[in-house]
Structure formats: C-alpha cells, structure tokens
C-alpha cells in the first residue's frame, strides 16, 4: 500500500502528472478508491465483450489466409501481452 501523502511528498514528474490528472478529472483523494473500484468493475463488464469481438476479428482475418493462422494468432497474442504490460 502507498503511505498517506507519499505521492504529494515525492515531487517527481510522474507524481506531478498523477496529481494533475486527478485535479483535471475532479477526483477527490478521499474518494479515489471509489473511482478505482468503479473502473475495475467497468473493466469486468466491458472486457469479455471486447475480448469476444477481438476473437471474431482474428478468426475473420485468419480465414482469409488459413496457411497463416498460427502466425496471426501468435502475433496477436504477443501484441496483446505487450499492450497489457504497457
């Protein structure tokens, strides 16, 4: 867990960006955990639909070139892992 006031006291560029984004979005620090919980819940709802759409798109693309199905799947998987980590 991040100690209370750690982001404000750090003074780094990243902490400044985080605080600036919080101010622009109108997020009060005492209520930030509620916004985070709502965002996680939204991801749980939107994620499966987005995943299904991507799977159907990959199937459509790979059906045009059946000899490249493995390469298309491999490349999409690697791209997904990189995008998730970023």
N, C-alpha and C. Protein backbone atom coordinates (compact mmCIF):
# COMPACT_ATOMS: atom_id res chain seq x y z
N UNK A 1 0.84 -1.19 0.00
CA UNK A 1 0.00 0.00 0.00
C UNK A 1 0.89 1.24 0.00
N UNK A 2 0.37 2.29 -0.60
CA UNK A 2 1.10 3.56 -0.65
C UNK A 2 0.77 4.35 0.60
N UNK A 3 1.79 4.79 1.33
CA UNK A 3 1.53 5.57 2.55
C UNK A 3 0.80 6.87 2.25
N UNK A 4 0.03 7.35 3.19
CA UNK A 4 -0.72 8.59 3.04
C UNK A 4 0.22 9.76 2.76
N UNK A 5 -0.05 10.50 1.70
CA UNK A 5 0.74 11.67 1.35
C UNK A 5 2.02 11.38 0.59
N UNK A 6 2.28 10.12 0.24
CA UNK A 6 3.54 9.77 -0.42
C UNK A 6 3.65 10.39 -1.80
N UNK A 7 2.56 10.42 -2.55
CA UNK A 7 2.61 10.96 -3.91
C UNK A 7 2.85 12.47 -3.87
N UNK A 8 2.21 13.15 -2.92
CA UNK A 8 2.38 14.61 -2.82
C UNK A 8 3.79 14.98 -2.40
N UNK A 9 4.40 14.18 -1.53
CA UNK A 9 5.72 14.49 -1.00
C UNK A 9 6.86 14.06 -1.91
N UNK A 10 6.58 13.16 -2.84
CA UNK A 10 7.65 12.61 -3.68
C UNK A 10 8.27 13.68 -4.58
N UNK A 11 7.45 14.49 -5.23
CA UNK A 11 7.95 15.57 -6.05
C UNK A 11 8.52 15.16 -7.39
N UNK A 12 8.25 13.93 -7.86
CA UNK A 12 8.77 13.50 -9.15
C UNK A 12 7.83 13.96 -10.27
N UNK A 13 8.28 13.80 -11.49
CA UNK A 13 7.47 14.16 -12.66
C UNK A 13 6.22 13.28 -12.72
N UNK A 14 6.38 12.00 -12.46
CA UNK A 14 5.25 11.08 -12.52
C UNK A 14 4.20 11.43 -11.47
N UNK A 15 4.64 11.73 -10.26
CA UNK A 15 3.67 12.09 -9.22
C UNK A 15 2.96 13.39 -9.57
N UNK A 16 3.67 14.31 -10.20
CA UNK A 16 3.03 15.55 -10.66
C UNK A 16 1.98 15.29 -11.72
N UNK A 17 2.27 14.36 -12.62
CA UNK A 17 1.30 14.01 -13.66
C UNK A 17 0.07 13.36 -13.03
N UNK A 18 0.29 12.46 -12.09
CA UNK A 18 -0.83 11.78 -11.42
C UNK A 18 -1.71 12.80 -10.70
N UNK A 19 -1.09 13.70 -9.96
CA UNK A 19 -1.86 14.71 -9.25
C UNK A 19 -2.59 15.65 -10.20
N UNK A 20 -1.93 16.00 -11.31
CA UNK A 20 -2.58 16.85 -12.31
C UNK A 20 -3.79 16.18 -12.94
N UNK A 21 -3.65 14.89 -13.26
CA UNK A 21 -4.78 14.16 -13.82
C UNK A 21 -5.93 14.05 -12.82
N UNK A 22 -5.59 13.85 -11.55
CA UNK A 22 -6.62 13.80 -10.52
C UNK A 22 -7.37 15.13 -10.43
N UNK A 23 -6.63 16.23 -10.48
CA UNK A 23 -7.27 17.54 -10.40
C UNK A 23 -8.12 17.81 -11.63
N UNK A 24 -7.62 17.47 -12.83
CA UNK A 24 -8.39 17.70 -14.06
C UNK A 24 -9.67 16.88 -14.07
N UNK A 25 -9.61 15.66 -13.57
CA UNK A 25 -10.78 14.79 -13.55
C UNK A 25 -11.70 15.09 -12.38
N UNK A 26 -11.27 15.96 -11.48
CA UNK A 26 -12.08 16.31 -10.32
C UNK A 26 -12.17 15.20 -9.29
N UNK A 27 -11.13 14.40 -9.20
CA UNK A 27 -11.12 13.28 -8.24
C UNK A 27 -10.61 13.78 -6.90
N UNK A 28 -11.42 13.64 -5.90
CA UNK A 28 -11.01 13.98 -4.54
C UNK A 28 -10.24 12.79 -3.97
N UNK A 29 -9.15 13.07 -3.27
CA UNK A 29 -8.30 12.00 -2.79
C UNK A 29 -9.03 11.04 -1.86
N UNK A 30 -9.92 11.58 -1.04
CA UNK A 30 -10.64 10.71 -0.10
C UNK A 30 -11.61 9.77 -0.80
N UNK A 31 -12.00 10.10 -2.04
CA UNK A 31 -12.95 9.27 -2.79
C UNK A 31 -12.27 8.51 -3.93
N UNK A 32 -10.95 8.59 -4.04
CA UNK A 32 -10.25 7.98 -5.17
C UNK A 32 -10.45 6.47 -5.21
N UNK A 33 -10.51 5.82 -4.07
CA UNK A 33 -10.68 4.36 -4.06
C UNK A 33 -12.01 3.97 -4.68
N UNK A 34 -13.06 4.81 -4.54
CA UNK A 34 -14.36 4.51 -5.15
C UNK A 34 -14.26 4.56 -6.68
N UNK A 35 -13.52 5.55 -7.19
CA UNK A 35 -13.35 5.66 -8.63
C UNK A 35 -12.56 4.46 -9.17
N UNK A 36 -11.55 4.03 -8.43
CA UNK A 36 -10.76 2.88 -8.84
C UNK A 36 -11.63 1.63 -8.86
N UNK A 37 -12.44 1.44 -7.83
CA UNK A 37 -13.33 0.27 -7.77
C UNK A 37 -14.33 0.29 -8.92
N UNK A 38 -14.84 1.47 -9.25
CA UNK A 38 -15.78 1.58 -10.37
C UNK A 38 -15.09 1.26 -11.69
N UNK A 39 -13.86 1.70 -11.85
CA UNK A 39 -13.11 1.42 -13.07
C UNK A 39 -12.83 -0.06 -13.23
N UNK A 40 -12.47 -0.72 -12.14
CA UNK A 40 -12.22 -2.17 -12.18
C UNK A 40 -13.52 -2.91 -12.53
N UNK A 41 -14.63 -2.48 -11.94
CA UNK A 41 -15.92 -3.10 -12.24
C UNK A 41 -16.30 -2.91 -13.71
N UNK A 42 -16.05 -1.73 -14.24
CA UNK A 42 -16.34 -1.47 -15.64
C UNK A 42 -15.51 -2.37 -16.54
N UNK A 43 -14.25 -2.58 -16.19
CA UNK A 43 -13.39 -3.48 -16.96
C UNK A 43 -13.91 -4.90 -16.94
N UNK A 44 -14.51 -5.31 -15.82
CA UNK A 44 -15.09 -6.64 -15.73
C UNK A 44 -16.31 -6.82 -16.60
N UNK A 45 -16.99 -5.73 -16.91
CA UNK A 45 -18.16 -5.78 -17.79
C UNK A 45 -17.77 -5.66 -19.25
N UNK A 46 -16.91 -4.71 -19.56
CA UNK A 46 -16.54 -4.42 -20.95
C UNK A 46 -15.54 -5.45 -21.48
N UNK A 47 -14.66 -5.95 -20.63
CA UNK A 47 -13.60 -6.86 -21.05
C UNK A 47 -14.06 -8.08 -21.83
N UNK A 48 -15.04 -8.83 -21.35
CA UNK A 48 -15.48 -10.02 -22.09
C UNK A 48 -16.06 -9.69 -23.47
N UNK A 49 -16.81 -8.58 -23.56
CA UNK A 49 -17.36 -8.19 -24.86
C UNK A 49 -16.24 -7.81 -25.83
N UNK A 50 -15.28 -7.05 -25.34
CA UNK A 50 -14.15 -6.65 -26.17
C UNK A 50 -13.33 -7.86 -26.59
N UNK A 51 -13.12 -8.78 -25.67
CA UNK A 51 -12.37 -10.00 -25.97
C UNK A 51 -13.06 -10.82 -27.05
N UNK A 52 -14.38 -10.98 -26.94
CA UNK A 52 -15.13 -11.74 -27.95
C UNK A 52 -15.05 -11.07 -29.32
N UNK A 53 -15.14 -9.76 -29.35
CA UNK A 53 -15.05 -9.03 -30.62
C UNK A 53 -13.68 -9.23 -31.26
N UNK A 54 -12.64 -9.18 -30.45
CA UNK A 54 -11.28 -9.36 -30.98
C UNK A 54 -11.10 -10.79 -31.51
N UNK A 55 -11.64 -11.78 -30.79
CA UNK A 55 -11.51 -13.17 -31.24
C UNK A 55 -12.22 -13.36 -32.58
N UNK A 56 -13.42 -12.80 -32.74
CA UNK A 56 -14.13 -12.91 -34.02
C UNK A 56 -13.38 -12.20 -35.14
N UNK A 57 -12.77 -11.06 -34.82
CA UNK A 57 -12.00 -10.33 -35.83
C UNK A 57 -10.78 -11.15 -36.25
N UNK A 58 -10.09 -11.76 -35.29
CA UNK A 58 -8.91 -12.59 -35.61
C UNK A 58 -9.33 -13.79 -36.46
N UNK A 59 -10.47 -14.40 -36.13
CA UNK A 59 -10.96 -15.53 -36.93
C UNK A 59 -11.27 -15.09 -38.35
N UNK A 60 -11.86 -13.92 -38.52
CA UNK A 60 -12.18 -13.41 -39.86
C UNK A 60 -10.91 -13.15 -40.66
N UNK A 61 -9.93 -12.57 -40.03
CA UNK A 61 -8.67 -12.28 -40.72
C UNK A 61 -7.95 -13.58 -41.08
N UNK A 62 -7.92 -14.53 -40.14
CA UNK A 62 -7.19 -15.77 -40.41
C UNK A 62 -7.92 -16.68 -41.38
N UNK A 63 -9.24 -16.51 -41.56
CA UNK A 63 -9.95 -17.33 -42.53
C UNK A 63 -9.59 -16.94 -43.97
N UNK A 64 -9.13 -15.71 -44.15
CA UNK A 64 -8.70 -15.27 -45.49
C UNK A 64 -7.36 -15.88 -45.87
N UNK A 65 -6.53 -16.18 -44.89
CA UNK A 65 -5.22 -16.79 -45.11
C UNK A 65 -5.06 -17.97 -44.16
N UNK A 66 -5.70 -19.12 -44.44
CA UNK A 66 -5.65 -20.23 -43.50
C UNK A 66 -4.25 -20.77 -43.25
N UNK A 67 -3.35 -20.58 -44.20
CA UNK A 67 -1.98 -21.08 -44.00
C UNK A 67 -1.20 -20.24 -42.99
N UNK A 68 -1.71 -19.06 -42.66
CA UNK A 68 -1.03 -18.18 -41.71
C UNK A 68 -1.77 -18.08 -40.37
N UNK A 69 -2.70 -18.97 -40.11
CA UNK A 69 -3.50 -18.91 -38.89
C UNK A 69 -2.63 -18.91 -37.64
N UNK A 70 -1.63 -19.79 -37.59
CA UNK A 70 -0.77 -19.85 -36.41
C UNK A 70 0.02 -18.57 -36.22
N UNK A 71 0.55 -18.01 -37.31
CA UNK A 71 1.33 -16.78 -37.20
C UNK A 71 0.45 -15.61 -36.77
N UNK A 72 -0.77 -15.55 -37.31
CA UNK A 72 -1.68 -14.46 -36.93
C UNK A 72 -2.01 -14.57 -35.43
N UNK A 73 -2.31 -15.77 -34.97
CA UNK A 73 -2.62 -15.97 -33.56
C UNK A 73 -1.43 -15.64 -32.66
N UNK A 74 -0.25 -16.08 -33.07
CA UNK A 74 0.95 -15.81 -32.29
C UNK A 74 1.23 -14.31 -32.20
N UNK A 75 1.16 -13.63 -33.34
CA UNK A 75 1.42 -12.19 -33.35
C UNK A 75 0.38 -11.41 -32.54
N UNK A 76 -0.88 -11.79 -32.66
CA UNK A 76 -1.92 -11.12 -31.88
C UNK A 76 -1.73 -11.38 -30.38
N UNK A 77 -1.32 -12.58 -30.02
CA UNK A 77 -1.07 -12.89 -28.62
C UNK A 77 0.09 -12.09 -28.06
N UNK A 78 1.17 -12.00 -28.82
CA UNK A 78 2.33 -11.22 -28.36
C UNK A 78 1.96 -9.75 -28.25
N UNK A 79 1.24 -9.23 -29.25
CA UNK A 79 0.82 -7.83 -29.20
C UNK A 79 -0.07 -7.57 -27.99
N UNK A 80 -0.98 -8.50 -27.71
CA UNK A 80 -1.86 -8.37 -26.55
C UNK A 80 -1.10 -8.33 -25.25
N UNK A 81 -0.07 -9.19 -25.14
CA UNK A 81 0.75 -9.20 -23.92
C UNK A 81 1.51 -7.91 -23.75
N UNK A 82 2.06 -7.40 -24.84
CA UNK A 82 2.81 -6.13 -24.77
C UNK A 82 1.88 -4.99 -24.43
N UNK A 83 0.70 -4.95 -25.04
CA UNK A 83 -0.26 -3.88 -24.76
C UNK A 83 -0.75 -3.93 -23.32
N UNK A 84 -0.89 -5.12 -22.78
CA UNK A 84 -1.36 -5.28 -21.41
C UNK A 84 -0.31 -4.81 -20.41
N UNK A 85 0.94 -5.08 -20.70
CA UNK A 85 2.02 -4.69 -19.79
C UNK A 85 2.28 -3.18 -19.85
N UNK A 86 2.07 -2.58 -21.01
CA UNK A 86 2.38 -1.16 -21.17
C UNK A 86 1.48 -0.26 -20.38
